Protein backbone atom coordinates (compact mmCIF):
# COMPACT_ATOMS: atom_id res chain seq x y z
CA MET A 1 -0.17 -0.13 0.19
CA ASP A 2 1.56 3.62 -1.04
CA ASP A 3 1.96 5.21 2.49
CA THR A 4 1.85 8.59 0.25
CA ASP A 5 -1.77 9.51 0.33
CA ILE A 6 -3.38 7.15 2.80
CA ALA A 7 -5.66 10.28 3.67
CA GLY A 8 -7.16 10.87 0.43
CA GLU A 9 -7.70 6.93 -0.06
CA LEU A 10 -9.48 6.87 3.05
CA LYS A 11 -11.67 10.09 1.55
CA ARG A 12 -12.17 8.23 -1.51
CA ASP A 13 -13.02 5.00 -0.67
CA PRO A 14 -13.40 4.17 3.08
CA ASP A 15 -14.49 1.04 3.29
CA GLY A 16 -11.92 -0.30 0.83
CA THR A 17 -9.01 1.76 1.95
CA VAL A 18 -9.75 0.41 5.74
CA ARG A 19 -9.43 -3.18 4.81
CA SER A 20 -6.18 -2.49 2.20
CA LEU A 21 -4.88 -1.25 5.53
CA VAL A 22 -5.73 -3.87 7.52
CA ALA A 23 -4.59 -6.56 4.92
CA ALA A 24 -1.17 -5.21 4.61
CA TYR A 25 -0.77 -4.46 8.14
CA ARG A 26 -2.79 -6.79 10.81
CA THR A 27 -0.50 -9.30 10.85
CA ARG A 28 2.94 -7.84 11.96
CA LEU A 29 1.05 -5.35 14.59
CA TYR A 30 -0.78 -7.97 15.94
CA GLN A 31 2.41 -9.73 16.47
CA THR A 32 4.27 -6.97 17.76
CA ALA A 33 1.38 -6.35 20.08
CA TYR A 34 1.73 -10.04 21.31
CA ARG A 35 5.20 -9.85 22.01
CA ILE A 36 4.79 -6.38 23.78
CA CYS A 37 1.45 -7.62 26.07
CA GLY A 38 2.14 -11.02 26.15
CA ASN A 39 -1.52 -12.62 25.54
CA ALA A 40 -3.30 -12.99 22.56
CA ALA A 41 -6.72 -11.41 24.03
CA ASP A 42 -4.56 -7.99 24.93
CA ALA A 43 -3.04 -7.95 21.35
CA GLU A 44 -6.12 -8.08 19.21
CA ASP A 45 -7.48 -5.24 21.59
CA LEU A 46 -4.57 -3.22 20.93
CA THR A 47 -4.48 -4.11 17.56
CA PHE A 48 -8.22 -3.11 16.49
CA ARG A 49 -7.81 -0.05 18.82
CA THR A 50 -4.55 1.05 16.72
CA PHE A 51 -6.24 0.92 13.41
CA ALA A 52 -9.57 2.27 14.87
CA GLN A 53 -7.32 5.11 15.88
CA ALA A 54 -5.09 5.89 12.70
CA VAL A 55 -8.43 5.68 11.16
CA ARG A 56 -9.47 8.66 13.18
CA LYS A 57 -6.24 10.66 13.10
CA ILE A 58 -5.24 10.09 9.66
CA SER A 59 -5.17 13.31 9.59
CA ASP A 60 -2.38 13.92 11.92
CA TYR A 61 -0.47 11.51 9.44
CA GLY A 62 2.54 13.68 8.22
CA GLY A 63 4.08 10.84 5.99
CA LYS A 64 7.61 11.11 7.98
CA GLY A 65 9.05 7.69 9.56
CA GLY A 66 6.48 5.62 6.69
CA PHE A 67 2.67 4.54 7.79
CA PHE A 68 3.78 1.49 9.98
CA GLY A 69 5.96 3.05 12.30
CA TRP A 70 3.03 5.62 12.85
CA LEU A 71 1.30 2.50 13.79
CA TYR A 72 3.50 1.17 15.76
CA ALA A 73 3.46 4.66 17.78
CA ILE A 74 -0.30 4.29 18.21
CA LEU A 75 0.05 1.11 19.63
CA SER A 76 2.94 1.56 21.92
CA ASN A 77 1.14 4.41 23.30
CA PHE A 78 -2.38 2.34 23.73
CA TYR A 79 -0.16 -0.04 25.40
CA ARG A 80 1.75 2.33 28.22
CA MET A 81 -1.80 3.72 28.85
CA ASP A 82 -2.85 0.48 29.64
CA ARG A 83 -0.11 -0.15 31.77
CA ARG A 84 -0.50 2.94 33.50
CA LEU A 85 -4.19 2.28 34.24
CA LYS A 86 -3.79 -2.11 35.07
CA ALA A 87 -0.25 -1.64 36.79
CA ALA A 88 -0.34 -5.04 36.19
CA ASN A 89 3.48 -6.69 35.33
CA ALA A 90 2.96 -10.36 34.53
CA LEU A 91 3.43 -10.89 30.94
CA ASP A 92 4.36 -14.51 29.10
CA PHE A 93 5.58 -14.82 25.72
CA MET A 94 4.84 -17.71 23.59
CA PRO A 95 7.88 -19.82 22.87
CA GLU A 96 8.72 -19.78 19.17
CA VAL A 97 8.91 -23.22 17.26
CA PRO A 98 12.57 -23.20 15.56
CA ASP A 99 12.96 -23.36 12.05
CA SER A 100 13.63 -27.13 11.05
CA PRO A 101 16.63 -27.54 8.64
CA ASP A 102 16.88 -30.50 6.38
CA PRO A 103 17.19 -33.54 7.91
CA ALA A 104 14.88 -33.05 10.71
CA PRO A 105 16.21 -32.00 14.25
CA THR A 106 16.29 -34.79 16.61
CA ALA A 107 13.44 -34.47 19.38
CA VAL A 108 16.60 -33.61 22.27
CA GLU A 109 17.70 -30.82 19.98
CA THR A 110 14.13 -29.43 19.59
CA VAL A 111 13.34 -29.74 23.21
CA SER A 112 16.63 -27.86 23.95
CA LYS A 113 15.59 -24.83 21.64
CA LEU A 114 12.18 -24.69 23.02
CA GLU A 115 13.62 -24.05 26.39
CA ASP A 116 16.15 -21.76 25.18
CA ALA A 117 13.66 -19.62 23.55
CA SER A 118 11.40 -20.19 26.71
CA VAL A 119 14.40 -18.64 28.76
CA LEU A 120 15.38 -16.08 26.31
CA HIS A 121 11.62 -14.98 26.21
CA GLY A 122 11.36 -15.15 30.18
CA ALA A 123 14.27 -12.27 30.27
CA ILE A 124 12.97 -10.38 27.89
CA ALA A 125 9.32 -10.60 29.66
CA ALA A 126 10.91 -9.78 32.91
CA LEU A 127 12.43 -6.51 31.54
CA PRO A 128 10.90 -3.21 32.59
CA ASP A 129 8.54 -2.01 30.30
CA SER A 130 10.63 0.81 28.54
CA PHE A 131 13.46 -1.64 28.41
CA ARG A 132 11.27 -4.76 26.97
CA GLU A 133 9.88 -1.97 24.09
CA VAL A 134 13.23 -1.03 22.36
CA VAL A 135 14.16 -5.10 22.70
CA VAL A 136 10.73 -6.01 20.49
CA PHE A 137 11.36 -3.41 18.37
CA ARG A 138 14.75 -3.78 17.45
CA TYR A 139 15.16 -7.47 17.51
CA PHE A 140 11.74 -8.74 16.95
CA GLU A 141 10.56 -6.22 14.62
CA ASP A 142 13.96 -4.96 12.65
CA MET A 143 13.21 -1.26 13.66
CA THR A 144 16.10 1.06 13.12
CA LEU A 145 17.62 2.82 16.59
CA GLU A 146 16.01 6.12 14.64
CA GLU A 147 12.31 4.35 14.12
CA ILE A 148 12.80 3.55 17.57
CA ALA A 149 12.84 6.89 18.87
CA ARG A 150 10.50 8.42 16.97
CA THR A 151 8.00 5.77 17.43
CA MET A 152 8.38 5.79 21.71
CA GLY A 153 9.30 9.61 21.34
CA ILE A 154 12.28 9.69 23.02
CA SER A 155 16.44 10.18 21.79
CA GLU A 156 18.12 7.84 19.80
CA GLY A 157 20.94 7.76 22.70
CA THR A 158 18.06 7.07 24.76
CA VAL A 159 17.36 4.29 22.82
CA LYS A 160 20.89 3.06 22.57
CA SER A 161 21.01 3.30 26.67
CA ARG A 162 17.95 1.33 27.04
CA LEU A 163 19.30 -1.76 24.72
CA ASN A 164 22.43 -1.77 26.28
CA ARG A 165 21.28 -2.34 29.64
CA ALA A 166 18.39 -4.44 28.49
CA LYS A 167 21.26 -6.65 26.82
CA ARG A 168 23.04 -6.32 30.46
CA MET A 169 19.85 -7.66 32.62
CA ILE A 170 19.37 -10.20 30.33
CA ARG A 171 22.57 -11.60 29.81
CA ARG A 172 22.70 -11.05 34.09
CA LYS A 173 19.19 -13.25 34.20
CA ILE A 174 20.04 -16.03 31.56
CA GLY A 175 23.64 -16.57 33.01
CA GLY A 176 24.89 -19.74 31.44
CA THR A 177 21.79 -21.75 30.86
CA LEU A 178 21.29 -21.36 27.26
CA SER A 179 23.22 -24.06 24.85
CA GLY A 180 25.64 -23.53 22.09
CA GLU A 181 24.35 -20.98 19.39
CA ARG A 182 21.59 -18.87 21.55
CA ALA A 183 24.53 -18.39 24.41
CA SER A 184 26.54 -17.13 21.57
CA ILE A 185 23.93 -14.83 19.93
CA ILE A 186 23.41 -13.36 23.68
CA HIS A 187 26.88 -12.58 24.72
CA GLY A 188 27.51 -11.80 21.35
CA GLU A 189 26.50 -9.11 19.38
CA LYS A 190 23.20 -9.56 18.09
CA LEU A 191 21.59 -8.96 21.65
């Protein structure tokens, strides 16, 4: 979908444009919401509210940073607002099923990867909200530091600082509990 004239498209064909927006962005937006809030019901609610707010406030979209970045900013604001209202701190990430290369991994390898993913997601879930958000945006959504800063309304320096502190907290939390490649990712450059 072309980000340049979404407001105009909404005026010309509101129903068709909304359907196109949802088709183009729903899955990725839902996945991000799920990673941030940790459960399907809240992720669905955040996704729906984000789209509804985007349609209502489309005139506020300036085109800078892309439409998807603007959707992230709306989603992030709703999430933070909900967190303040609920003052809840529980979060469970759904463990990801590892990709299986040919030939199929053994049951022990699969269980090991699932356990590693669970340990890593648990460590990310234990992070304070502001740190967890930058980790999800950077490593799960591959957003640039500039995009994260714009989405969260903070400076790039703050994003870098939070990422570094989050990585240290994750390393301390998981210690030597990961095996093989995943341990090298945590202790190396990727996370």
